[in-house]
């Protein structure tokens, strides 16, 4: 994985990590997220691995599928960067 020095890259990686953590906390399967969001499995995996930036509409769909506030994910991601 490339070294992330740009804040935007670090923030995107932190958002992906928080979405993965939320999925784990709630025990939501990939199949459930795919069904609720309409995002293709390969795309979803790239988003959650941080291999691809998440467009805002897709991010909102993911948050809805995980029943979490987008604001909460952003706050947790920012905290993770601040504590890094």
N, C-alpha and C. Protein backbone atom coordinates (compact mmCIF):
# COMPACT_ATOMS: atom_id res chain seq x y z
N UNK A 1 0.85 -1.18 0.00
CA UNK A 1 0.00 0.00 0.00
C UNK A 1 0.89 1.24 0.00
N UNK A 2 0.58 2.22 -0.84
CA UNK A 2 1.41 3.43 -0.91
C UNK A 2 1.33 4.25 0.38
N UNK A 3 2.40 4.98 0.65
CA UNK A 3 2.41 5.86 1.81
C UNK A 3 1.45 7.02 1.55
N UNK A 4 0.60 7.29 2.53
CA UNK A 4 -0.38 8.35 2.37
C UNK A 4 0.08 9.59 3.12
N UNK A 5 0.42 10.60 2.37
CA UNK A 5 0.87 11.82 3.01
C UNK A 5 -0.17 12.93 2.85
N UNK A 6 -1.01 12.79 1.88
CA UNK A 6 -2.04 13.79 1.63
C UNK A 6 -3.21 13.56 2.59
N UNK A 7 -3.71 14.65 3.18
CA UNK A 7 -4.83 14.53 4.13
C UNK A 7 -6.03 13.84 3.49
N UNK A 8 -6.33 14.18 2.25
CA UNK A 8 -7.48 13.58 1.57
C UNK A 8 -7.35 12.07 1.46
N UNK A 9 -6.15 11.59 1.13
CA UNK A 9 -5.92 10.15 1.05
C UNK A 9 -6.08 9.50 2.42
N UNK A 10 -5.53 10.15 3.43
CA UNK A 10 -5.63 9.61 4.79
C UNK A 10 -7.08 9.59 5.26
N UNK A 11 -7.81 10.65 4.93
CA UNK A 11 -9.21 10.73 5.33
C UNK A 11 -10.03 9.64 4.63
N UNK A 12 -9.81 9.46 3.32
CA UNK A 12 -10.52 8.42 2.59
C UNK A 12 -10.24 7.04 3.17
N UNK A 13 -8.99 6.78 3.52
CA UNK A 13 -8.63 5.50 4.12
C UNK A 13 -9.31 5.33 5.47
N UNK A 14 -9.37 6.42 6.24
CA UNK A 14 -10.02 6.36 7.56
C UNK A 14 -11.52 6.14 7.42
N UNK A 15 -12.15 6.76 6.42
CA UNK A 15 -13.58 6.54 6.19
C UNK A 15 -13.83 5.07 5.85
N UNK A 16 -13.01 4.51 4.96
CA UNK A 16 -13.16 3.10 4.61
C UNK A 16 -13.00 2.22 5.84
N UNK A 17 -12.03 2.54 6.68
CA UNK A 17 -11.81 1.75 7.90
C UNK A 17 -13.00 1.85 8.84
N UNK A 18 -13.57 3.03 8.97
CA UNK A 18 -14.74 3.20 9.85
C UNK A 18 -15.96 2.46 9.29
N UNK A 19 -16.12 2.45 7.98
CA UNK A 19 -17.22 1.68 7.39
C UNK A 19 -17.02 0.18 7.64
N UNK A 20 -15.79 -0.29 7.51
CA UNK A 20 -15.50 -1.71 7.81
C UNK A 20 -15.80 -2.01 9.28
N UNK A 21 -15.39 -1.12 10.15
CA UNK A 21 -15.62 -1.31 11.58
C UNK A 21 -17.11 -1.33 11.90
N UNK A 22 -17.85 -0.44 11.28
CA UNK A 22 -19.31 -0.39 11.51
C UNK A 22 -19.97 -1.67 11.02
N UNK A 23 -19.53 -2.15 9.88
CA UNK A 23 -20.06 -3.41 9.35
C UNK A 23 -19.80 -4.55 10.33
N UNK A 24 -18.59 -4.59 10.87
CA UNK A 24 -18.23 -5.64 11.84
C UNK A 24 -19.03 -5.50 13.13
N UNK A 25 -19.15 -4.27 13.63
CA UNK A 25 -19.90 -4.04 14.88
C UNK A 25 -21.33 -4.53 14.76
N UNK A 26 -21.93 -4.29 13.61
CA UNK A 26 -23.35 -4.63 13.42
C UNK A 26 -23.56 -6.01 12.81
N UNK A 27 -22.48 -6.66 12.40
CA UNK A 27 -22.59 -7.99 11.83
C UNK A 27 -23.34 -8.01 10.51
N UNK A 28 -23.20 -6.94 9.74
CA UNK A 28 -23.88 -6.84 8.44
C UNK A 28 -23.02 -7.55 7.40
N UNK A 29 -23.64 -8.39 6.58
CA UNK A 29 -22.91 -9.12 5.56
C UNK A 29 -22.76 -8.27 4.29
N UNK A 30 -21.80 -8.67 3.47
CA UNK A 30 -21.66 -8.00 2.18
C UNK A 30 -22.95 -8.12 1.38
N UNK A 31 -23.57 -9.29 1.42
CA UNK A 31 -24.82 -9.50 0.67
C UNK A 31 -25.90 -8.52 1.11
N UNK A 32 -25.99 -8.27 2.42
CA UNK A 32 -26.99 -7.32 2.93
C UNK A 32 -26.69 -5.90 2.46
N UNK A 33 -25.42 -5.53 2.47
CA UNK A 33 -25.05 -4.18 2.01
C UNK A 33 -25.34 -4.04 0.52
N UNK A 34 -24.99 -5.06 -0.25
CA UNK A 34 -25.22 -5.03 -1.69
C UNK A 34 -26.71 -4.88 -1.98
N UNK A 35 -27.52 -5.65 -1.28
CA UNK A 35 -28.97 -5.59 -1.49
C UNK A 35 -29.52 -4.21 -1.14
N UNK A 36 -29.06 -3.66 -0.03
CA UNK A 36 -29.58 -2.37 0.44
C UNK A 36 -29.04 -1.19 -0.36
N UNK A 37 -27.83 -1.30 -0.87
CA UNK A 37 -27.19 -0.16 -1.53
C UNK A 37 -27.21 -0.23 -3.05
N UNK A 38 -27.29 -1.42 -3.59
CA UNK A 38 -27.23 -1.57 -5.05
C UNK A 38 -25.81 -1.47 -5.60
N UNK A 39 -24.83 -1.46 -4.73
CA UNK A 39 -23.43 -1.37 -5.15
C UNK A 39 -22.93 -2.78 -5.47
N UNK A 40 -22.25 -2.93 -6.60
CA UNK A 40 -21.71 -4.23 -7.00
C UNK A 40 -20.69 -4.72 -5.97
N UNK A 41 -20.61 -6.04 -5.81
CA UNK A 41 -19.73 -6.62 -4.81
C UNK A 41 -18.28 -6.22 -4.99
N UNK A 42 -17.77 -6.28 -6.21
CA UNK A 42 -16.36 -5.93 -6.43
C UNK A 42 -16.10 -4.46 -6.10
N UNK A 43 -17.04 -3.61 -6.44
CA UNK A 43 -16.91 -2.18 -6.12
C UNK A 43 -16.97 -1.97 -4.62
N UNK A 44 -17.91 -2.63 -3.96
CA UNK A 44 -18.03 -2.52 -2.51
C UNK A 44 -16.73 -2.94 -1.83
N UNK A 45 -16.16 -4.04 -2.26
CA UNK A 45 -14.91 -4.51 -1.66
C UNK A 45 -13.78 -3.50 -1.87
N UNK A 46 -13.72 -2.90 -3.05
CA UNK A 46 -12.69 -1.88 -3.30
C UNK A 46 -12.90 -0.66 -2.40
N UNK A 47 -14.15 -0.26 -2.23
CA UNK A 47 -14.44 0.87 -1.34
C UNK A 47 -13.99 0.56 0.09
N UNK A 48 -14.39 -0.60 0.59
CA UNK A 48 -14.13 -0.92 1.99
C UNK A 48 -12.66 -1.25 2.26
N UNK A 49 -11.93 -1.64 1.23
CA UNK A 49 -10.49 -1.87 1.39
C UNK A 49 -9.69 -0.58 1.23
N UNK A 50 -10.40 0.49 0.83
CA UNK A 50 -9.72 1.76 0.62
C UNK A 50 -8.96 1.81 -0.69
N UNK A 51 -9.27 0.90 -1.61
CA UNK A 51 -8.59 0.85 -2.90
C UNK A 51 -9.21 1.83 -3.90
N UNK A 52 -10.38 2.32 -3.59
CA UNK A 52 -11.09 3.22 -4.50
C UNK A 52 -11.81 4.26 -3.66
N UNK A 53 -11.72 5.52 -4.07
CA UNK A 53 -12.45 6.58 -3.38
C UNK A 53 -13.94 6.32 -3.48
N UNK A 54 -14.66 6.66 -2.43
CA UNK A 54 -16.10 6.42 -2.39
C UNK A 54 -16.82 7.71 -2.79
N UNK A 55 -17.55 7.68 -3.91
CA UNK A 55 -18.32 8.86 -4.30
C UNK A 55 -19.39 9.15 -3.24
N UNK A 56 -19.72 10.41 -3.06
CA UNK A 56 -20.67 10.79 -2.02
C UNK A 56 -22.00 10.02 -2.09
N UNK A 57 -22.62 9.87 -3.27
CA UNK A 57 -23.89 9.12 -3.30
C UNK A 57 -23.71 7.67 -2.81
N UNK A 58 -22.60 7.04 -3.19
CA UNK A 58 -22.33 5.68 -2.74
C UNK A 58 -22.08 5.65 -1.24
N UNK A 59 -21.36 6.65 -0.74
CA UNK A 59 -21.11 6.75 0.70
C UNK A 59 -22.43 6.85 1.46
N UNK A 60 -23.32 7.67 0.97
CA UNK A 60 -24.63 7.81 1.62
C UNK A 60 -25.40 6.49 1.58
N UNK A 61 -25.33 5.79 0.45
CA UNK A 61 -25.99 4.49 0.34
C UNK A 61 -25.40 3.48 1.33
N UNK A 62 -24.09 3.51 1.48
CA UNK A 62 -23.43 2.60 2.42
C UNK A 62 -23.84 2.91 3.86
N UNK A 63 -23.88 4.17 4.19
CA UNK A 63 -24.28 4.56 5.54
C UNK A 63 -25.72 4.13 5.82
N UNK A 64 -26.57 4.32 4.83
CA UNK A 64 -27.97 3.90 4.98
C UNK A 64 -28.05 2.39 5.18
N UNK A 65 -27.28 1.64 4.39
CA UNK A 65 -27.27 0.18 4.49
C UNK A 65 -26.75 -0.29 5.85
N UNK A 66 -25.88 0.51 6.44
CA UNK A 66 -25.31 0.17 7.75
C UNK A 66 -26.05 0.84 8.91
N UNK A 67 -27.08 1.59 8.59
CA UNK A 67 -27.86 2.33 9.60
C UNK A 67 -26.97 3.17 10.50
N UNK A 68 -26.11 3.94 9.85
CA UNK A 68 -25.21 4.83 10.59
C UNK A 68 -25.24 6.19 9.91
N UNK A 69 -25.10 7.21 10.69
CA UNK A 69 -25.08 8.58 10.18
C UNK A 69 -23.77 8.84 9.42
N UNK A 70 -23.86 9.42 8.23
CA UNK A 70 -22.62 9.81 7.54
C UNK A 70 -21.76 10.73 8.40
N UNK A 71 -22.41 11.60 9.14
CA UNK A 71 -21.67 12.51 10.03
C UNK A 71 -20.85 11.72 11.05
N UNK A 72 -21.43 10.64 11.58
CA UNK A 72 -20.73 9.82 12.57
C UNK A 72 -19.48 9.18 11.96
N UNK A 73 -19.62 8.66 10.75
CA UNK A 73 -18.47 8.05 10.08
C UNK A 73 -17.39 9.10 9.85
N UNK A 74 -17.77 10.29 9.39
CA UNK A 74 -16.79 11.36 9.17
C UNK A 74 -16.11 11.76 10.48
N UNK A 75 -16.89 11.87 11.56
CA UNK A 75 -16.31 12.24 12.86
C UNK A 75 -15.30 11.20 13.33
N UNK A 76 -15.66 9.92 13.22
CA UNK A 76 -14.76 8.85 13.65
C UNK A 76 -13.49 8.83 12.78
N UNK A 77 -13.66 9.06 11.49
CA UNK A 77 -12.50 9.09 10.59
C UNK A 77 -11.57 10.25 10.95
N UNK A 78 -12.14 11.40 11.23
CA UNK A 78 -11.33 12.56 11.61
C UNK A 78 -10.60 12.30 12.93
N UNK A 79 -11.29 11.70 13.89
CA UNK A 79 -10.64 11.36 15.16
C UNK A 79 -9.48 10.40 14.95
N UNK A 80 -9.68 9.41 14.07
CA UNK A 80 -8.62 8.45 13.80
C UNK A 80 -7.39 9.13 13.21
N UNK A 81 -7.60 10.08 12.32
CA UNK A 81 -6.48 10.82 11.73
C UNK A 81 -5.80 11.68 12.78
N UNK A 82 -6.58 12.34 13.62
CA UNK A 82 -6.02 13.20 14.66
C UNK A 82 -5.19 12.41 15.67
N UNK A 83 -5.59 11.16 15.89
CA UNK A 83 -4.88 10.31 16.86
C UNK A 83 -3.76 9.50 16.23
N UNK A 84 -3.56 9.70 14.94
CA UNK A 84 -2.55 8.92 14.21
C UNK A 84 -1.17 9.50 14.40
